[in-house]
Structures are given as C-alpha cells and as structure tokens.
Protein backbone atom coordinates (compact mmCIF):
# COMPACT_ATOMS: atom_id res chain seq x y z
CA UNK A 1 118.34 80.94 100.38
CA UNK A 2 114.34 81.13 101.52
CA UNK A 3 114.05 83.59 103.91
CA UNK A 4 110.25 83.73 104.96
CA UNK A 5 108.80 86.72 106.95
CA UNK A 6 105.37 86.14 107.93
CA UNK A 7 103.52 86.55 104.74
CA UNK A 8 106.89 87.86 102.91
CA UNK A 9 109.25 86.50 100.93
CA UNK A 10 112.68 86.91 100.52
CA UNK A 11 114.84 84.82 97.23
CA UNK A 12 118.04 85.45 96.89
CA UNK A 13 120.18 83.62 93.68
CA UNK A 14 123.54 84.67 92.23
CA UNK A 15 122.94 86.27 89.50
CA UNK A 16 124.48 88.15 87.13
CA UNK A 17 121.68 90.11 85.20
CA UNK A 18 121.36 93.66 84.06
CA UNK A 19 121.14 96.85 86.45
CA UNK A 20 118.06 97.88 84.11
CA UNK A 21 115.14 95.69 82.27
CA UNK A 22 112.92 96.49 79.64
CA UNK A 23 109.18 97.34 80.21
CA UNK A 24 108.22 94.94 77.85
CA UNK A 25 110.76 92.22 80.82
CA UNK A 26 108.36 93.74 83.42
CA UNK A 27 105.55 93.20 81.64
CA UNK A 28 106.68 89.73 80.35
CA UNK A 29 107.33 88.93 84.49
CA UNK A 30 104.42 89.78 85.87
CA UNK A 31 101.92 88.11 83.28
CA UNK A 32 103.86 84.69 84.19
CA UNK A 33 103.60 85.06 88.00
CA UNK A 34 99.84 85.86 87.43
CA UNK A 35 99.90 83.03 84.96
CA UNK A 36 101.22 80.51 87.19
CA UNK A 37 99.38 81.48 90.15
CA UNK A 38 96.67 80.74 88.05
CA UNK A 39 98.39 77.17 86.99
CA UNK A 40 98.01 76.46 90.98
CA UNK A 41 94.84 77.40 91.48
CA UNK A 42 93.31 75.30 89.24
CA UNK A 43 95.36 72.31 90.19
CA UNK A 44 93.95 73.36 93.44
CA UNK A 45 90.42 73.23 92.29
CA UNK A 46 89.95 77.03 92.58
CA UNK A 47 88.62 79.13 89.68
CA UNK A 48 91.42 82.03 88.09
CA UNK A 49 91.75 85.64 89.61
CA UNK A 50 90.67 87.95 86.63
CA UNK A 51 93.35 91.01 86.59
CA UNK A 52 91.55 93.96 87.88
CA UNK A 53 92.99 97.06 87.13
CA UNK A 54 91.72 98.98 91.03
CA UNK A 55 94.16 95.97 92.87
CA UNK A 56 96.41 96.86 90.00
CA UNK A 57 97.05 99.66 90.81
CA UNK A 58 97.49 98.83 94.35
CA UNK A 59 100.16 96.02 93.43
CA UNK A 60 101.65 98.33 91.22
CA UNK A 61 102.22 101.72 92.89
CA UNK A 62 103.19 99.40 95.93
CA UNK A 63 106.34 97.16 94.83
CA UNK A 64 107.80 101.07 92.95
CA UNK A 65 107.05 102.18 96.96
CA UNK A 66 109.54 99.00 97.97
CA UNK A 67 111.95 98.60 95.05
CA UNK A 68 112.65 102.89 95.99
CA UNK A 69 113.02 102.90 98.85
CA UNK A 70 114.30 99.04 99.73
CA UNK A 71 112.20 98.92 102.31
CA UNK A 72 110.39 95.27 102.42
CA UNK A 73 107.35 94.98 104.79
CA UNK A 74 103.51 94.81 104.24
CA UNK A 75 101.32 98.21 104.26
CA UNK A 76 97.94 98.77 105.73
CA UNK A 77 94.90 96.57 104.01
CA UNK A 78 93.04 99.32 104.48
CA UNK A 79 93.06 101.51 101.80
CA UNK A 80 93.05 98.93 99.58
CA UNK A 81 90.01 97.56 100.99
CA UNK A 82 88.18 100.32 100.87
CA UNK A 83 89.93 101.86 97.62
CA UNK A 84 89.04 99.06 95.95
CA UNK A 85 84.93 98.43 97.72
CA UNK A 86 86.39 94.99 98.19
CA UNK A 87 85.34 92.41 100.66
CA UNK A 88 88.60 90.61 101.02
CA UNK A 89 91.73 91.09 100.26
CA UNK A 90 94.82 89.33 100.74
CA UNK A 91 99.19 90.51 99.37
CA UNK A 92 101.34 88.56 99.03
CA UNK A 93 105.43 90.21 98.50
CA UNK A 94 108.93 88.68 97.36
CA UNK A 95 111.92 90.20 97.10
CA UNK A 96 114.87 88.70 95.13
CA UNK A 97 116.92 87.96 91.68
CA UNK A 98 114.65 84.79 90.57
CA UNK A 99 112.45 84.21 87.70
CA UNK A 100 109.09 84.32 88.27
CA UNK A 101 109.09 80.59 88.35
CA UNK A 102 111.42 80.81 92.03
CA UNK A 103 108.72 83.41 93.30
CA UNK A 104 105.97 82.13 93.05
CA UNK A 105 107.35 78.53 93.94
CA UNK A 106 108.67 79.93 97.09
CA UNK A 107 105.17 81.11 97.51
CA UNK A 108 103.52 77.99 97.26
CA UNK A 109 106.04 76.12 100.10
CA UNK A 110 105.12 79.38 102.65
CA UNK A 111 102.05 78.72 103.87
CA UNK A 112 100.36 82.11 104.79
CA UNK A 113 101.20 83.08 101.12
CA UNK A 114 99.82 79.29 99.76
CA UNK A 115 96.93 80.54 101.38
CA UNK A 116 96.18 83.43 99.31
CA UNK A 117 96.77 82.14 96.15
CA UNK A 118 94.76 79.12 96.90
CA UNK A 119 91.75 81.56 99.09
CA UNK A 120 88.72 80.74 96.54
CA UNK A 121 86.64 83.55 98.06
CA UNK A 122 89.63 85.75 95.92
CA UNK A 123 88.16 86.76 92.80
CA UNK A 124 90.87 89.04 91.08
CA UNK A 125 94.66 90.00 91.13
CA UNK A 126 97.00 92.68 90.62
CA UNK A 127 100.58 92.27 89.84
CA UNK A 128 103.12 94.50 90.42
CA UNK A 129 107.07 93.83 89.67
CA UNK A 130 110.00 96.37 89.91
CA UNK A 131 113.85 95.25 88.97
CA UNK A 132 115.94 97.74 90.38
CA UNK A 133 118.77 97.24 92.24
CA UNK A 134 119.63 93.59 91.13
CA UNK A 135 116.40 92.65 92.14
CA UNK A 136 113.30 91.83 91.11
CA UNK A 137 110.48 93.41 93.72
CA UNK A 138 106.86 91.81 93.41
CA UNK A 139 103.75 92.40 94.94
CA UNK A 140 100.94 90.52 94.10
CA UNK A 141 97.23 91.68 95.50
CA UNK A 142 93.99 89.51 95.62
CA UNK A 143 90.70 90.69 95.85
CA UNK A 144 86.78 90.01 96.18
CA UNK A 145 84.92 93.08 95.22
C-alpha cells in the first residue's frame, strides 16, 4: 500500500525484520537512497547531488525526531533555509518497512517528491534514515547554497 500525504509518503509491506539494525546497515541504506536519487537525476538530464554536511545535519535530526516520536509531518523549512544559508531547499520524507529502492520508487511515483528529486536548481543533499518500531523513517533534505 502506498499513501501519499502532500509531499510525504508512507509505504507499507509485510516484513519479518529485526527491531534493530546495525550502524552499517543504516549507512548502507542511506547511501543506497542517495545513489538511487542521483541515478534518477542522471536519467532525466540533471546533475548529481553532492552529499553536504549542513543538509545532512537537518535530515539526520528530523528523521530521528520522527522515528522517536512516531509523528510524520514536514517541519518548517525556514530553519534549514537560514541555517544552511541556502537559496532554495526541499524535503522528502517517507516511512515504511521497505527497501531503499521502494522508497525512491514511491517518491518518483509522487508528483511532489519527483519534482524535488528532479529539481535542477538543487545541488546538495542530506540523508537521514532511522529503523525503529519495525519500519524505516527517511528524510531527504535538498538544498542549493
């Protein structure tokens, strides 16, 4: 089942996965999401996004907050905009017990998420993924300095 809420996506699938995952699994998951986003950008004639520390800090923090509280909503982007001294910012969030491939496929199937991924004005990305309560909570924060 795929539920799109504005620019937020919840993807669910039956799964038998451990309630915790290793730090290496999280890093690999985040890396896979960024790689798949960049693959989509290249396929559509856009430049690759560079992983950057400032948007990464916002993405990791927000994914952790959403996973810890169980909430699922977009925050105000003003702190991210000013905190990273960016000209433009965007955010995709998702939650579900699914692979990184399914998360990016769901984003590409959603017009708002797809627009963020393919926005040629955005040049940087931060990625946060947390596995808690049997599901991934993922935040991709995009920016242009």
